Amino acid sequence: MTDQPQDSAALDQLERQVERGQLFTHTALSNNAERIIEMETFVYGLIDLLVEKGLATAEEISDKAQAVHQEMVQKGETLGPGIVMRLENPDTPREDFVPVNCAERIHICQAICCKLSFALTAPEIESGHVKWDLGRPYAIRHEPDGYCTHQNRETRGCGVYDHRPGICRRYSCANDERIWSNFDAMELNTAWINDQLGADDRPKLARIAMIRLEDITNTG
């Protein structure tokens, strides 16, 4: 006999992911269209003004535009759909990594780090062990309660621990002031957590990153 509650939960999860995937596509297309229209209006107006005043010829502007385009392509600065993917060297340890005894803290923090977001690497995506979010390719998937889809809600442990992403293996909350206002005293930064990581069952394209911008250079 089919387990209807489980089937219903699976359908709800699939429906949410399809909704987020559509929202991602529509948002990306709308944002790109707005940027293109705004840029076209400004650029074409500026080109006409320069040509009318005799400050540049149409041919000179065309040649310069092609040169700038090639430079943008080489630097990866061309307009894209907003897809994220992480690059890392798993053999490069973080020099500032501080081991944390999660067992003695999890009753306080409730594994709040599992609400942080991050992009997966190509090998992690292709392995099939972890799920990415259709609403934000290729970031780790979160559920309506804000937690990672792979977290065991009863134990707060990782359901894919042996295959967990490299960024999870290398993350330490010891120096993350977003999580702890006082790490040694095990005092959570509840103001930031409630403001930034509260549960939200609506599709959400932007999440708080597990690794902060200032830490990216240390992630390998």
Protein backbone atom coordinates (compact mmCIF):
# COMPACT_ATOMS: atom_id res chain seq x y z
CA MET A 1 0.00 0.00 0.00
CA THR A 2 1.30 3.44 -0.87
CA ASP A 3 2.41 5.62 2.01
CA GLN A 4 0.21 8.63 1.24
CA PRO A 5 1.71 11.10 3.77
CA GLN A 6 5.20 10.49 2.39
CA ASP A 7 3.95 10.74 -1.18
CA SER A 8 2.19 14.00 -0.33
CA ALA A 9 5.34 15.44 1.26
CA ALA A 10 7.39 14.46 -1.79
CA LEU A 11 4.88 16.13 -4.11
CA ASP A 12 4.85 19.27 -1.97
CA GLN A 13 8.66 19.40 -2.12
CA LEU A 14 8.64 18.89 -5.89
CA GLU A 15 5.98 21.57 -6.33
CA ARG A 16 8.00 24.04 -4.26
CA GLN A 17 11.14 23.37 -6.27
CA VAL A 18 9.31 23.78 -9.57
CA GLU A 19 7.84 27.05 -8.29
CA ARG A 20 11.28 28.27 -7.24
CA GLY A 21 12.75 27.21 -10.58
CA GLN A 22 10.12 29.21 -12.45
CA LEU A 23 10.60 32.19 -10.14
CA PHE A 24 14.36 32.07 -10.72
CA THR A 25 13.90 32.00 -14.49
CA HIS A 26 11.34 34.80 -14.55
CA THR A 27 13.35 36.96 -12.17
CA ALA A 28 16.57 36.49 -14.13
CA LEU A 29 14.85 37.26 -17.43
CA SER A 30 13.13 40.34 -16.03
CA ASN A 31 16.29 41.70 -14.41
CA ASN A 32 18.32 41.14 -17.56
CA ALA A 33 15.65 42.74 -19.75
CA GLU A 34 15.51 45.83 -17.53
CA ARG A 35 19.29 46.17 -17.55
CA ILE A 36 19.49 45.74 -21.31
CA ILE A 37 16.78 48.32 -22.02
CA GLU A 38 18.35 50.84 -19.66
CA MET A 39 21.82 50.33 -21.13
CA GLU A 40 20.58 50.45 -24.72
CA THR A 41 18.76 53.74 -24.12
CA PHE A 42 21.80 55.35 -22.55
CA VAL A 43 24.40 53.97 -24.97
CA TYR A 44 22.48 54.69 -28.16
CA GLY A 45 21.72 58.20 -26.99
CA LEU A 46 25.39 58.79 -26.15
CA ILE A 47 26.54 57.39 -29.50
CA ASP A 48 24.16 59.65 -31.43
CA LEU A 49 25.37 62.67 -29.44
CA LEU A 50 29.06 61.89 -30.06
CA VAL A 51 28.50 61.38 -33.79
CA GLU A 52 26.37 64.53 -34.13
CA LYS A 53 29.04 66.63 -32.42
CA GLY A 54 31.77 65.11 -34.59
CA LEU A 55 33.68 63.79 -31.59
CA ALA A 56 33.77 60.23 -32.98
CA THR A 57 32.70 58.33 -36.06
CA ALA A 58 30.31 55.38 -36.07
CA GLU A 59 33.16 53.14 -37.24
CA GLU A 60 35.44 54.17 -34.36
CA ILE A 61 32.70 53.53 -31.83
CA SER A 62 31.94 50.11 -33.36
CA ASP A 63 35.60 49.06 -33.23
CA LYS A 64 35.91 50.19 -29.61
CA ALA A 65 32.72 48.38 -28.62
CA GLN A 66 34.03 45.12 -30.08
CA ALA A 67 37.30 45.49 -28.19
CA VAL A 68 35.47 46.11 -24.90
CA HIS A 69 33.20 43.11 -25.50
CA GLN A 70 36.17 40.80 -26.01
CA GLU A 71 37.74 42.11 -22.78
CA MET A 72 34.51 41.51 -20.84
CA VAL A 73 34.27 37.95 -22.17
CA GLN A 74 37.84 37.23 -21.08
CA LYS A 75 37.13 38.59 -17.58
CA GLY A 76 33.79 36.77 -17.30
CA GLU A 77 31.91 40.04 -16.86
CA THR A 78 29.23 39.50 -19.47
CA LEU A 79 25.56 39.49 -18.46
CA GLY A 80 24.48 36.06 -17.21
CA PRO A 81 21.48 34.28 -15.66
CA GLY A 82 22.82 34.37 -12.10
CA ILE A 83 23.89 30.73 -11.85
CA VAL A 84 26.44 30.09 -9.11
CA MET A 85 29.03 27.34 -8.83
CA ARG A 86 31.88 26.97 -6.38
CA LEU A 87 35.49 26.30 -7.27
CA GLU A 88 37.78 24.96 -4.59
CA ASN A 89 40.89 22.94 -3.97
CA PRO A 90 39.90 20.33 -1.35
CA ASP A 91 43.55 19.71 -0.54
CA THR A 92 44.09 23.28 0.66
CA PRO A 93 43.18 23.56 4.38
CA ARG A 94 41.94 26.79 5.93
CA GLU A 95 44.67 28.20 8.11
CA ASP A 96 42.13 29.83 10.43
CA PHE A 97 40.01 26.69 10.89
CA VAL A 98 39.00 26.10 14.53
CA PRO A 99 37.50 22.68 15.41
CA VAL A 100 34.12 22.91 17.13
CA ASN A 101 32.50 20.35 19.43
CA CYS A 102 29.06 20.45 17.84
CA ALA A 103 27.61 17.88 20.26
CA GLU A 104 27.95 20.24 23.23
CA ARG A 105 26.49 23.20 21.36
CA ILE A 106 23.77 21.80 19.15
CA HIS A 107 21.11 22.01 21.86
CA ILE A 108 21.74 25.77 21.88
CA CYS A 109 22.42 26.58 18.26
CA GLN A 110 20.05 23.97 16.77
CA ALA A 111 22.56 23.57 13.94
CA ILE A 112 21.78 27.05 12.68
CA CYS A 113 24.72 26.79 10.27
CA CYS A 114 22.52 24.45 8.21
CA LYS A 115 20.47 27.50 7.26
CA LEU A 116 23.45 29.16 5.61
CA SER A 117 23.67 28.99 1.85
CA PHE A 118 26.52 28.10 -0.50
CA ALA A 119 27.14 27.06 -4.08
CA LEU A 120 28.07 23.48 -4.90
CA THR A 121 31.06 22.42 -6.98
CA ALA A 122 30.68 20.58 -10.28
CA PRO A 123 31.84 17.23 -8.76
CA GLU A 124 29.35 17.64 -5.88
CA ILE A 125 26.52 18.30 -8.31
CA GLU A 126 27.44 15.42 -10.60
CA SER A 127 27.86 12.96 -7.72
CA GLY A 128 24.12 13.00 -7.10
CA HIS A 129 24.54 12.82 -3.31
CA VAL A 130 23.41 16.38 -2.58
CA LYS A 131 20.44 18.30 -3.93
CA TRP A 132 20.66 21.78 -5.42
CA ASP A 133 17.94 24.41 -5.45
CA LEU A 134 16.04 24.91 -8.70
CA GLY A 135 15.32 28.43 -7.49
CA ARG A 136 19.02 29.25 -7.33
CA PRO A 137 21.21 26.97 -9.45
CA TYR A 138 23.50 25.48 -8.15
CA ALA A 139 23.17 26.41 -4.48
CA ILE A 140 22.43 23.86 -1.76
CA ARG A 141 18.71 23.23 -1.38
CA HIS A 142 16.76 24.55 1.63
CA GLU A 143 13.27 23.64 2.80
CA PRO A 144 10.46 25.97 3.97
CA ASP A 145 11.78 25.91 7.55
CA GLY A 146 15.01 27.43 6.27
CA TYR A 147 17.19 24.39 6.96
CA CYS A 148 19.22 22.39 4.46
CA THR A 149 17.15 19.66 2.83
CA HIS A 150 19.65 17.04 4.00
CA GLN A 151 19.44 17.83 7.70
CA ASN A 152 17.78 15.26 9.96
CA ARG A 153 15.15 17.34 11.74
CA GLU A 154 15.13 15.07 14.82
CA THR A 155 18.86 14.82 15.49
CA ARG A 156 19.90 17.99 13.62
CA GLY A 157 22.63 15.84 12.06
CA CYS A 158 23.57 15.74 8.39
CA GLY A 159 21.75 13.08 6.38
CA VAL A 160 24.57 12.91 3.81
CA TYR A 161 27.43 13.32 6.27
CA ASP A 162 29.85 11.01 4.45
CA HIS A 163 29.15 12.85 1.20
CA ARG A 164 28.63 16.35 2.60
CA PRO A 165 29.97 19.22 0.49
CA GLY A 166 33.53 20.34 1.02
CA ILE A 167 32.44 23.74 2.28
CA CYS A 168 30.57 22.03 5.14
CA ARG A 169 33.70 20.05 6.02
CA ARG A 170 35.77 23.23 6.14
CA TYR A 171 33.32 25.54 7.86
CA SER A 172 33.79 26.52 11.51
CA CYS A 173 31.39 28.71 13.44
CA ALA A 174 34.06 29.52 16.04
CA ASN A 175 35.03 32.80 14.37
CA ASP A 176 31.65 33.56 12.84
CA GLU A 177 30.22 36.50 14.78
CA ARG A 178 26.97 36.13 12.85
CA ILE A 179 26.29 32.93 14.79
CA TRP A 180 27.87 33.61 18.20
CA SER A 181 27.94 36.91 20.02
CA ASN A 182 30.20 35.10 22.52
CA PHE A 183 31.58 31.78 21.28
CA ASP A 184 33.26 30.71 24.53
CA ALA A 185 30.16 31.45 26.61
CA MET A 186 27.96 29.81 23.95
CA GLU A 187 25.81 32.92 23.56
CA LEU A 188 24.05 33.08 20.22
CA ASN A 189 23.76 36.23 18.15
CA THR A 190 19.98 35.90 18.29
CA ALA A 191 19.31 39.35 16.86
CA TRP A 192 21.16 38.59 13.63
CA ILE A 193 19.85 35.02 13.42
CA ASN A 194 16.22 36.04 13.87
CA ASP A 195 16.59 38.86 11.38
CA GLN A 196 18.51 36.98 8.70
CA LEU A 197 17.74 33.29 9.13
CA GLY A 198 14.12 33.18 10.25
CA ALA A 199 11.92 30.47 8.73
CA ASP A 200 10.24 31.57 5.53
CA ASP A 201 8.15 29.25 3.38
CA ARG A 202 8.10 31.63 0.44
CA PRO A 203 10.44 31.21 -2.54
CA LYS A 204 13.62 33.10 -1.78
CA LEU A 205 16.40 33.69 -4.28
CA ALA A 206 18.96 35.29 -1.98
CA ARG A 207 20.23 33.60 1.17
CA ILE A 208 22.97 34.31 3.66
CA ALA A 209 26.19 32.70 2.47
CA MET A 210 27.99 30.16 4.63
CA ILE A 211 31.33 31.73 3.71
CA ARG A 212 31.46 35.51 3.98
CA LEU A 213 33.03 37.59 1.22
CA GLU A 214 36.08 38.36 3.33
CA ASP A 215 36.63 34.61 3.84
CA ILE A 216 36.48 33.58 0.19
CA THR A 217 40.22 33.92 -0.33
CA ASN A 218 40.77 31.39 2.46
CA THR A 219 38.51 28.65 1.09
CA GLY A 220 40.92 27.28 -1.47
